Amino acid sequence: MLGLSPEHLLVLLVAALFILGPERLPGAIATVRKTAQRAKDALANAHEQISNEIGPEFEQLRKPLGELNQLRTLDPRTALTRFVLEPSAAEPPTPAPPPAGRVSGVDMEAT
């Protein structure tokens, strides 16, 4: 939730308790919760309205934007690591070498 750890939330709650006092704290928490719910509902309604008005074109816009967002998260080190460590699809996998002591299916140690 908002990138806060439980420890940070506890510190904020204790600070709010000292600032607001035990009488006003429950009301303040309820107000914040209602405001967050209204904002969430407004965003959902806006998304639905845009989807209804634009239609299938909206989904066509979302895909390239999602790909662009993925490219923004890449840094040069990650890209180089992927390029060097991951085999490309164009290169065939290298065959495993035969086990030591065997030549084309014949056991050299048994002779």
C-alpha atoms as a PDB file:
ATOM      1  CA  MET A   1       0.000   0.000   0.000  1.00  0.00           C
ATOM      2  CA  LEU A   2       1.617   3.195  -1.273  1.00  0.00           C
ATOM      3  CA  GLY A   3       5.032   1.566  -0.931  1.00  0.00           C
ATOM      4  CA  LEU A   4       4.995   1.798   2.849  1.00  0.00           C
ATOM      5  CA  SER A   5       6.242  -0.993   5.054  1.00  0.00           C
ATOM      6  CA  PRO A   6       4.267  -2.069   8.126  1.00  0.00           C
ATOM      7  CA  GLU A   7       6.823  -0.336  10.345  1.00  0.00           C
ATOM      8  CA  HIS A   8       6.281   2.979   8.563  1.00  0.00           C
ATOM      9  CA  LEU A   9       2.518   2.619   8.872  1.00  0.00           C
ATOM     10  CA  LEU A  10       2.858   1.973  12.588  1.00  0.00           C
ATOM     11  CA  VAL A  11       5.008   5.091  13.025  1.00  0.00           C
ATOM     12  CA  LEU A  12       2.455   7.160  11.081  1.00  0.00           C
ATOM     13  CA  LEU A  13      -0.385   5.772  13.177  1.00  0.00           C
ATOM     14  CA  VAL A  14       1.408   6.603  16.428  1.00  0.00           C
ATOM     15  CA  ALA A  15       2.228  10.108  15.162  1.00  0.00           C
ATOM     16  CA  ALA A  16      -1.411  10.619  14.143  1.00  0.00           C
ATOM     17  CA  LEU A  17      -2.498   9.422  17.575  1.00  0.00           C
ATOM     18  CA  PHE A  18      -0.311  12.051  19.251  1.00  0.00           C
ATOM     19  CA  ILE A  19      -1.326  14.818  16.837  1.00  0.00           C
ATOM     20  CA  LEU A  20      -5.075  14.166  16.641  1.00  0.00           C
ATOM     21  CA  GLY A  21      -5.654  12.505  19.958  1.00  0.00           C
ATOM     22  CA  PRO A  22      -7.619   9.343  20.622  1.00  0.00           C
ATOM     23  CA  GLU A  23     -10.995  11.096  20.257  1.00  0.00           C
ATOM     24  CA  ARG A  24     -10.509  12.399  16.693  1.00  0.00           C
ATOM     25  CA  LEU A  25      -8.308   9.624  15.265  1.00  0.00           C
ATOM     26  CA  PRO A  26     -11.130   7.164  14.322  1.00  0.00           C
ATOM     27  CA  GLY A  27     -13.017   9.932  12.510  1.00  0.00           C
ATOM     28  CA  ALA A  28      -9.882  10.976  10.616  1.00  0.00           C
ATOM     29  CA  ILE A  29      -9.195   7.386   9.561  1.00  0.00           C
ATOM     30  CA  ALA A  30     -12.786   7.001   8.342  1.00  0.00           C
ATOM     31  CA  THR A  31     -12.524  10.241   6.352  1.00  0.00           C
ATOM     32  CA  VAL A  32      -9.273   9.153   4.693  1.00  0.00           C
ATOM     33  CA  ARG A  33     -10.766   5.748   3.863  1.00  0.00           C
ATOM     34  CA  LYS A  34     -13.911   7.321   2.317  1.00  0.00           C
ATOM     35  CA  THR A  35     -11.816   9.756   0.277  1.00  0.00           C
ATOM     36  CA  ALA A  36      -9.582   6.961  -1.028  1.00  0.00           C
ATOM     37  CA  GLN A  37     -12.645   4.888  -1.966  1.00  0.00           C
ATOM     38  CA  ARG A  38     -14.190   7.843  -3.818  1.00  0.00           C
ATOM     39  CA  ALA A  39     -10.956   8.414  -5.742  1.00  0.00           C
ATOM     40  CA  LYS A  40     -10.778   4.722  -6.642  1.00  0.00           C
ATOM     41  CA  ASP A  41     -14.404   4.752  -7.837  1.00  0.00           C
ATOM     42  CA  ALA A  42     -13.823   7.914  -9.887  1.00  0.00           C
ATOM     43  CA  LEU A  43     -10.825   6.343 -11.629  1.00  0.00           C
ATOM     44  CA  ALA A  44     -12.787   3.168 -12.361  1.00  0.00           C
ATOM     45  CA  ASN A  45     -15.655   5.206 -13.797  1.00  0.00           C
ATOM     46  CA  ALA A  46     -13.286   7.268 -15.949  1.00  0.00           C
ATOM     47  CA  HIS A  47     -11.643   4.092 -17.259  1.00  0.00           C
ATOM     48  CA  GLU A  48     -15.021   2.575 -18.061  1.00  0.00           C
ATOM     49  CA  GLN A  49     -16.225   5.752 -19.784  1.00  0.00           C
ATOM     50  CA  ILE A  50     -13.079   5.968 -21.913  1.00  0.00           C
ATOM     51  CA  SER A  51     -13.386   2.286 -22.817  1.00  0.00           C
ATOM     52  CA  ASN A  52     -17.025   2.753 -23.851  1.00  0.00           C
ATOM     53  CA  GLU A  53     -16.379   5.893 -25.906  1.00  0.00           C
ATOM     54  CA  ILE A  54     -13.226   4.786 -27.672  1.00  0.00           C
ATOM     55  CA  GLY A  55     -14.071   1.088 -27.901  1.00  0.00           C
ATOM     56  CA  PRO A  56     -11.604  -1.356 -29.456  1.00  0.00           C
ATOM     57  CA  GLU A  57      -9.200   1.430 -30.359  1.00  0.00           C
ATOM     58  CA  PHE A  58      -8.535   1.873 -26.640  1.00  0.00           C
ATOM     59  CA  GLU A  59      -7.222  -1.691 -26.370  1.00  0.00           C
ATOM     60  CA  GLN A  60      -5.053  -1.120 -29.438  1.00  0.00           C
ATOM     61  CA  LEU A  61      -3.556   1.910 -27.701  1.00  0.00           C
ATOM     62  CA  ARG A  62      -2.959   0.066 -24.432  1.00  0.00           C
ATOM     63  CA  LYS A  63      -0.733  -2.628 -25.972  1.00  0.00           C
ATOM     64  CA  PRO A  64       1.947  -0.288 -27.451  1.00  0.00           C
ATOM     65  CA  LEU A  65       1.864   1.856 -24.324  1.00  0.00           C
ATOM     66  CA  GLY A  66       2.452  -1.239 -22.178  1.00  0.00           C
ATOM     67  CA  GLU A  67       5.405  -2.228 -24.357  1.00  0.00           C
ATOM     68  CA  LEU A  68       6.804   1.290 -24.110  1.00  0.00           C
ATOM     69  CA  ASN A  69       6.450   1.171 -20.335  1.00  0.00           C
ATOM     70  CA  GLN A  70       8.424  -2.094 -20.269  1.00  0.00           C
ATOM     71  CA  LEU A  71      11.201  -0.465 -22.296  1.00  0.00           C
ATOM     72  CA  ARG A  72      11.370   2.396 -19.803  1.00  0.00           C
ATOM     73  CA  THR A  73      12.192  -0.019 -17.009  1.00  0.00           C
ATOM     74  CA  LEU A  74      15.170  -1.476 -18.884  1.00  0.00           C
ATOM     75  CA  ASP A  75      18.590  -0.154 -18.120  1.00  0.00           C
ATOM     76  CA  PRO A  76      21.747  -0.832 -20.164  1.00  0.00           C
ATOM     77  CA  ARG A  77      23.081  -3.365 -17.666  1.00  0.00           C
ATOM     78  CA  THR A  78      19.873  -5.422 -17.775  1.00  0.00           C
ATOM     79  CA  ALA A  79      19.707  -5.302 -21.570  1.00  0.00           C
ATOM     80  CA  LEU A  80      23.336  -6.408 -21.896  1.00  0.00           C
ATOM     81  CA  THR A  81      22.847  -9.202 -19.378  1.00  0.00           C
ATOM     82  CA  ARG A  82      19.821 -10.478 -21.281  1.00  0.00           C
ATOM     83  CA  PHE A  83      21.660 -10.277 -24.593  1.00  0.00           C
ATOM     84  CA  VAL A  84      24.789 -12.055 -23.354  1.00  0.00           C
ATOM     85  CA  LEU A  85      23.355 -14.656 -20.980  1.00  0.00           C
ATOM     86  CA  GLU A  86      20.132 -15.668 -22.716  1.00  0.00           C
ATOM     87  CA  PRO A  87      20.506 -17.676 -25.918  1.00  0.00           C
ATOM     88  CA  SER A  88      18.787 -16.135 -28.890  1.00  0.00           C
ATOM     89  CA  ALA A  89      15.992 -17.946 -30.676  1.00  0.00           C
ATOM     90  CA  ALA A  90      17.924 -17.880 -33.977  1.00  0.00           C
ATOM     91  CA  GLU A  91      20.879 -19.907 -32.674  1.00  0.00           C
ATOM     92  CA  PRO A  92      20.364 -23.676 -32.430  1.00  0.00           C
ATOM     93  CA  PRO A  93      21.290 -25.213 -29.080  1.00  0.00           C
ATOM     94  CA  THR A  94      24.749 -26.752 -28.941  1.00  0.00           C
ATOM     95  CA  PRO A  95      24.765 -30.559 -28.600  1.00  0.00           C
ATOM     96  CA  ALA A  96      26.147 -32.048 -25.417  1.00  0.00           C
ATOM     97  CA  PRO A  97      29.599 -33.642 -25.744  1.00  0.00           C
ATOM     98  CA  PRO A  98      29.756 -37.446 -25.500  1.00  0.00           C
ATOM     99  CA  PRO A  99      30.676 -38.825 -22.085  1.00  0.00           C
ATOM    100  CA  ALA A 100      34.363 -39.411 -21.423  1.00  0.00           C
ATOM    101  CA  GLY A 101      35.580 -42.905 -22.289  1.00  0.00           C
ATOM    102  CA  ARG A 102      32.912 -43.481 -24.963  1.00  0.00           C
ATOM    103  CA  VAL A 103      33.413 -43.072 -28.678  1.00  0.00           C
ATOM    104  CA  SER A 104      30.305 -43.355 -30.873  1.00  0.00           C
ATOM    105  CA  GLY A 105      28.534 -45.708 -28.506  1.00  0.00           C
ATOM    106  CA  VAL A 106      31.532 -48.006 -27.837  1.00  0.00           C
ATOM    107  CA  ASP A 107      32.836 -48.231 -24.291  1.00  0.00           C
ATOM    108  CA  MET A 108      36.613 -47.763 -24.516  1.00  0.00           C
ATOM    109  CA  GLU A 109      37.216 -48.762 -20.894  1.00  0.00           C
ATOM    110  CA  ALA A 110      35.653 -52.204 -21.290  1.00  0.00           C
ATOM    111  CA  THR A 111      38.218 -53.335 -23.929  1.00  0.00           C
END
